[in-house]
Amino acid sequence: MCVAAIGVYTIQMGHFQTSIGSPATILQEIDSHKLLEVQEKDLLLSSIIGLDWDEDSFKINAQNAFFDGMRKRPHMINFTFTNIKDEVIEENPDAFDLLEERRLYLKEKVYEISYEEGNLILTRSMKKEYNIRGIDPSKISFTTTATIDFSEVIILTKEDTSFYEENS
């Protein structure tokens, strides 16, 4: 009886086709976030060229220049917003259809710029959520949800900017 059950199981499994999710989406997203980090650092550096690090308004001026610079880089805003995990956005996704609304959201919720002990610090706090599905839609598959924390901290010193100014 046991042999018969194993035989039936083996035959049935031969007809049962499944498809597993591919991690390619996640790996591409991780690579894209490395590129985003380079773009953020470039934008931050270009935002503070010509600013006086010793002024009381340095942080505010750097912050304003950074977020104004984002207007010229809509791909950064849209990419950052793709698959972002946030209750406010999930409850009211239509409120963030326009690019300017997205930029303001990023300014208020995702990015923080601080100035401490001669260092300009850009902090990005965000999570993204992905649904990973099987590669072959004709086969049985189960959707897996992956949440990835893409938080990052970029620290710039006055020396970093002087090197950037000399080479740009």
C-alpha atoms as a PDB file:
ATOM      1  CA  MET A   1       0.000   0.000   0.000  1.00  0.00           C
ATOM      2  CA  CYS A   2       2.816   2.376   0.902  1.00  0.00           C
ATOM      3  CA  VAL A   3       4.555   1.667  -2.415  1.00  0.00           C
ATOM      4  CA  ALA A   4       1.314   2.396  -4.286  1.00  0.00           C
ATOM      5  CA  ALA A   5       0.903   5.732  -2.477  1.00  0.00           C
ATOM      6  CA  ILE A   6       4.468   6.745  -3.299  1.00  0.00           C
ATOM      7  CA  GLY A   7       3.941   5.721  -6.930  1.00  0.00           C
ATOM      8  CA  VAL A   8       0.741   7.803  -7.250  1.00  0.00           C
ATOM      9  CA  TYR A   9       2.468  10.757  -5.548  1.00  0.00           C
ATOM     10  CA  THR A  10       5.411  10.554  -7.961  1.00  0.00           C
ATOM     11  CA  ILE A  11       3.134  10.413 -11.012  1.00  0.00           C
ATOM     12  CA  GLN A  12       1.055  13.361  -9.791  1.00  0.00           C
ATOM     13  CA  MET A  13       4.129  15.468  -9.030  1.00  0.00           C
ATOM     14  CA  GLY A  14       5.242  14.929 -12.621  1.00  0.00           C
ATOM     15  CA  HIS A  15       2.046  16.714 -13.744  1.00  0.00           C
ATOM     16  CA  PHE A  16       2.249  19.428 -11.105  1.00  0.00           C
ATOM     17  CA  GLN A  17       4.185  22.437 -12.378  1.00  0.00           C
ATOM     18  CA  THR A  18       5.288  25.310 -10.233  1.00  0.00           C
ATOM     19  CA  SER A  19       7.235  28.482 -10.793  1.00  0.00           C
ATOM     20  CA  ILE A  20       9.384  30.198  -8.207  1.00  0.00           C
ATOM     21  CA  GLY A  21       9.933  33.924  -7.893  1.00  0.00           C
ATOM     22  CA  SER A  22      13.070  35.425  -9.313  1.00  0.00           C
ATOM     23  CA  PRO A  23      15.269  37.658  -7.153  1.00  0.00           C
ATOM     24  CA  ALA A  24      16.271  39.595 -10.294  1.00  0.00           C
ATOM     25  CA  THR A  25      13.868  42.448  -9.480  1.00  0.00           C
ATOM     26  CA  ILE A  26      15.356  42.887  -6.025  1.00  0.00           C
ATOM     27  CA  LEU A  27      18.931  42.710  -7.305  1.00  0.00           C
ATOM     28  CA  GLN A  28      18.198  45.321  -9.993  1.00  0.00           C
ATOM     29  CA  GLU A  29      16.596  47.561  -7.382  1.00  0.00           C
ATOM     30  CA  ILE A  30      19.622  47.279  -5.098  1.00  0.00           C
ATOM     31  CA  ASP A  31      21.892  48.254  -8.008  1.00  0.00           C
ATOM     32  CA  SER A  32      19.594  51.166  -8.847  1.00  0.00           C
ATOM     33  CA  HIS A  33      19.746  52.387  -5.265  1.00  0.00           C
ATOM     34  CA  LYS A  34      23.524  52.414  -5.398  1.00  0.00           C
ATOM     35  CA  LEU A  35      23.194  54.682  -8.433  1.00  0.00           C
ATOM     36  CA  LEU A  36      20.658  56.824  -6.545  1.00  0.00           C
ATOM     37  CA  GLU A  37      23.173  57.223  -3.722  1.00  0.00           C
ATOM     38  CA  VAL A  38      25.769  58.538  -6.187  1.00  0.00           C
ATOM     39  CA  GLN A  39      23.195  60.943  -7.659  1.00  0.00           C
ATOM     40  CA  GLU A  40      22.191  62.144  -4.184  1.00  0.00           C
ATOM     41  CA  LYS A  41      25.800  62.830  -3.244  1.00  0.00           C
ATOM     42  CA  ASP A  42      26.384  64.652  -6.529  1.00  0.00           C
ATOM     43  CA  LEU A  43      23.245  66.747  -6.014  1.00  0.00           C
ATOM     44  CA  LEU A  44      24.226  67.544  -2.430  1.00  0.00           C
ATOM     45  CA  LEU A  45      27.745  68.545  -3.475  1.00  0.00           C
ATOM     46  CA  SER A  46      26.520  70.717  -6.330  1.00  0.00           C
ATOM     47  CA  SER A  47      23.942  72.287  -3.988  1.00  0.00           C
ATOM     48  CA  ILE A  48      26.532  73.599  -1.565  1.00  0.00           C
ATOM     49  CA  ILE A  49      29.055  75.010  -4.024  1.00  0.00           C
ATOM     50  CA  GLY A  50      29.510  78.661  -3.178  1.00  0.00           C
ATOM     51  CA  LEU A  51      27.808  78.446   0.223  1.00  0.00           C
ATOM     52  CA  ASP A  52      29.653  79.699   3.294  1.00  0.00           C
ATOM     53  CA  TRP A  53      30.049  76.835   5.774  1.00  0.00           C
ATOM     54  CA  ASP A  54      30.483  79.311   8.632  1.00  0.00           C
ATOM     55  CA  GLU A  55      27.137  81.069   8.192  1.00  0.00           C
ATOM     56  CA  ASP A  56      24.288  80.317  10.580  1.00  0.00           C
ATOM     57  CA  SER A  57      22.011  79.804   7.589  1.00  0.00           C
ATOM     58  CA  PHE A  58      24.303  77.221   5.935  1.00  0.00           C
ATOM     59  CA  LYS A  59      22.091  74.222   6.728  1.00  0.00           C
ATOM     60  CA  ILE A  60      18.910  75.961   5.552  1.00  0.00           C
ATOM     61  CA  ASN A  61      20.603  77.182   2.363  1.00  0.00           C
ATOM     62  CA  ALA A  62      22.014  73.709   1.646  1.00  0.00           C
ATOM     63  CA  GLN A  63      18.630  72.102   2.274  1.00  0.00           C
ATOM     64  CA  ASN A  64      16.797  74.557   0.016  1.00  0.00           C
ATOM     65  CA  ALA A  65      19.368  74.152  -2.759  1.00  0.00           C
ATOM     66  CA  PHE A  66      19.204  70.341  -2.509  1.00  0.00           C
ATOM     67  CA  PHE A  67      15.420  70.169  -2.813  1.00  0.00           C
ATOM     68  CA  ASP A  68      15.336  72.861  -5.501  1.00  0.00           C
ATOM     69  CA  GLY A  69      17.906  70.789  -7.393  1.00  0.00           C
ATOM     70  CA  MET A  70      15.568  67.812  -7.212  1.00  0.00           C
ATOM     71  CA  ARG A  71      13.152  69.718  -9.444  1.00  0.00           C
ATOM     72  CA  LYS A  72      15.750  69.453 -12.211  1.00  0.00           C
ATOM     73  CA  ARG A  73      16.095  65.705 -11.606  1.00  0.00           C
ATOM     74  CA  PRO A  74      12.543  64.333 -11.750  1.00  0.00           C
ATOM     75  CA  HIS A  75      13.893  60.827 -12.393  1.00  0.00           C
ATOM     76  CA  MET A  76      15.304  60.832  -8.843  1.00  0.00           C
ATOM     77  CA  ILE A  77      11.940  61.790  -7.367  1.00  0.00           C
ATOM     78  CA  ASN A  78      10.001  59.225  -9.373  1.00  0.00           C
ATOM     79  CA  PHE A  79      12.528  56.466  -8.725  1.00  0.00           C
ATOM     80  CA  THR A  80      12.569  57.157  -4.997  1.00  0.00           C
ATOM     81  CA  PHE A  81       8.779  57.023  -4.953  1.00  0.00           C
ATOM     82  CA  THR A  82       8.530  53.711  -6.821  1.00  0.00           C
ATOM     83  CA  ASN A  83       7.388  50.923  -4.456  1.00  0.00           C
ATOM     84  CA  ILE A  84       7.902  53.140  -1.405  1.00  0.00           C
ATOM     85  CA  LYS A  85       6.289  51.662   1.718  1.00  0.00           C
ATOM     86  CA  ASP A  86       4.434  54.266   3.750  1.00  0.00           C
ATOM     87  CA  GLU A  87       1.003  54.327   5.392  1.00  0.00           C
ATOM     88  CA  VAL A  88       0.275  57.904   4.287  1.00  0.00           C
ATOM     89  CA  ILE A  89       0.859  57.011   0.641  1.00  0.00           C
ATOM     90  CA  GLU A  90      -1.045  53.720   0.910  1.00  0.00           C
ATOM     91  CA  GLU A  91      -4.091  55.475   2.396  1.00  0.00           C
ATOM     92  CA  ASN A  92      -4.179  58.247  -0.201  1.00  0.00           C
ATOM     93  CA  PRO A  93      -2.074  57.385  -3.283  1.00  0.00           C
ATOM     94  CA  ASP A  94      -3.830  59.930  -5.524  1.00  0.00           C
ATOM     95  CA  ALA A  95      -2.520  62.752  -3.344  1.00  0.00           C
ATOM     96  CA  PHE A  96       0.975  62.101  -4.703  1.00  0.00           C
ATOM     97  CA  ASP A  97       0.293  62.038  -8.441  1.00  0.00           C
ATOM     98  CA  LEU A  98       2.081  65.312  -9.165  1.00  0.00           C
ATOM     99  CA  LEU A  99       5.859  65.575  -9.157  1.00  0.00           C
ATOM    100  CA  GLU A 100       5.862  68.600  -6.831  1.00  0.00           C
ATOM    101  CA  GLU A 101       3.712  66.768  -4.265  1.00  0.00           C
ATOM    102  CA  ARG A 102       6.173  63.890  -4.356  1.00  0.00           C
ATOM    103  CA  ARG A 103       9.145  66.237  -3.957  1.00  0.00           C
ATOM    104  CA  LEU A 104       7.546  67.898  -0.927  1.00  0.00           C
ATOM    105  CA  TYR A 105       6.769  64.509   0.602  1.00  0.00           C
ATOM    106  CA  LEU A 106      10.400  63.453   0.166  1.00  0.00           C
ATOM    107  CA  LYS A 107      11.513  66.716   1.771  1.00  0.00           C
ATOM    108  CA  GLU A 108       9.254  66.214   4.794  1.00  0.00           C
ATOM    109  CA  LYS A 109       9.326  62.440   5.298  1.00  0.00           C
ATOM    110  CA  VAL A 110      12.233  60.744   3.535  1.00  0.00           C
ATOM    111  CA  TYR A 111      15.226  63.084   3.605  1.00  0.00           C
ATOM    112  CA  GLU A 112      16.737  64.995   6.473  1.00  0.00           C
ATOM    113  CA  ILE A 113      19.674  67.369   6.199  1.00  0.00           C
ATOM    114  CA  SER A 114      21.599  68.281   9.317  1.00  0.00           C
ATOM    115  CA  TYR A 115      24.806  70.148  10.061  1.00  0.00           C
ATOM    116  CA  GLU A 116      26.851  68.872  12.991  1.00  0.00           C
ATOM    117  CA  GLU A 117      30.451  69.554  13.970  1.00  0.00           C
ATOM    118  CA  GLY A 118      31.429  70.815  10.523  1.00  0.00           C
ATOM    119  CA  ASN A 119      29.775  67.912   8.694  1.00  0.00           C
ATOM    120  CA  LEU A 120      26.792  68.187   6.396  1.00  0.00           C
ATOM    121  CA  ILE A 121      24.706  65.031   6.797  1.00  0.00           C
ATOM    122  CA  LEU A 122      22.045  63.801   4.393  1.00  0.00           C
ATOM    123  CA  THR A 123      19.900  61.022   5.831  1.00  0.00           C
ATOM    124  CA  ARG A 124      17.468  59.041   3.704  1.00  0.00           C
ATOM    125  CA  SER A 125      14.938  56.903   5.580  1.00  0.00           C
ATOM    126  CA  MET A 126      12.739  54.756   3.395  1.00  0.00           C
ATOM    127  CA  LYS A 127      11.487  51.256   2.894  1.00  0.00           C
ATOM    128  CA  LYS A 128      10.292  49.729  -0.336  1.00  0.00           C
ATOM    129  CA  GLU A 129       8.015  46.772  -0.827  1.00  0.00           C
ATOM    130  CA  TYR A 130       8.098  44.331  -3.726  1.00  0.00           C
ATOM    131  CA  ASN A 131       5.800  41.514  -4.758  1.00  0.00           C
ATOM    132  CA  ILE A 132       7.868  38.690  -6.181  1.00  0.00           C
ATOM    133  CA  ARG A 133       5.924  36.392  -8.471  1.00  0.00           C
ATOM    134  CA  GLY A 134       6.801  33.251 -10.338  1.00  0.00           C
ATOM    135  CA  ILE A 135       8.566  33.694 -13.648  1.00  0.00           C
ATOM    136  CA  ASP A 136       6.146  31.555 -15.678  1.00  0.00           C
ATOM    137  CA  PRO A 137       2.541  32.758 -15.237  1.00  0.00           C
ATOM    138  CA  SER A 138       1.165  29.508 -16.700  1.00  0.00           C
ATOM    139  CA  LYS A 139       2.462  27.568 -13.691  1.00  0.00           C
ATOM    140  CA  ILE A 140       1.335  27.589 -10.095  1.00  0.00           C
ATOM    141  CA  SER A 141       3.207  30.114  -8.000  1.00  0.00           C
ATOM    142  CA  PHE A 142       2.821  32.021  -4.790  1.00  0.00           C
ATOM    143  CA  THR A 143       3.495  35.716  -4.441  1.00  0.00           C
ATOM    144  CA  THR A 144       6.129  36.616  -1.900  1.00  0.00           C
ATOM    145  CA  THR A 145       6.370  40.105  -0.463  1.00  0.00           C
ATOM    146  CA  ALA A 146       9.798  41.515   0.297  1.00  0.00           C
ATOM    147  CA  THR A 147      10.338  44.736   2.231  1.00  0.00           C
ATOM    148  CA  ILE A 148      13.785  46.298   1.980  1.00  0.00           C
ATOM    149  CA  ASP A 149      15.132  49.168   4.041  1.00  0.00           C
ATOM    150  CA  PHE A 150      17.000  51.553   1.746  1.00  0.00           C
ATOM    151  CA  SER A 151      18.016  54.020   4.441  1.00  0.00           C
ATOM    152  CA  GLU A 152      21.349  55.719   3.905  1.00  0.00           C
ATOM    153  CA  VAL A 153      23.541  58.393   5.461  1.00  0.00           C
ATOM    154  CA  ILE A 154      25.859  60.600   3.401  1.00  0.00           C
ATOM    155  CA  ILE A 155      28.352  62.759   5.301  1.00  0.00           C
ATOM    156  CA  LEU A 156      30.207  65.619   3.628  1.00  0.00           C
ATOM    157  CA  THR A 157      33.015  67.710   5.020  1.00  0.00           C
ATOM    158  CA  LYS A 158      34.245  71.070   3.826  1.00  0.00           C
ATOM    159  CA  GLU A 159      37.286  69.295   2.337  1.00  0.00           C
ATOM    160  CA  ASP A 160      34.987  67.069   0.238  1.00  0.00           C
ATOM    161  CA  THR A 161      33.384  70.108  -1.323  1.00  0.00           C
ATOM    162  CA  SER A 162      36.647  71.896  -2.023  1.00  0.00           C
ATOM    163  CA  PHE A 163      37.880  68.796  -3.888  1.00  0.00           C
ATOM    164  CA  TYR A 164      34.583  68.688  -5.806  1.00  0.00           C
ATOM    165  CA  GLU A 165      34.779  72.392  -6.693  1.00  0.00           C
ATOM    166  CA  GLU A 166      38.327  71.990  -8.005  1.00  0.00           C
ATOM    167  CA  ASN A 167      37.393  69.025 -10.209  1.00  0.00           C
ATOM    168  CA  SER A 168      34.050  70.159 -11.593  1.00  0.00           C
END
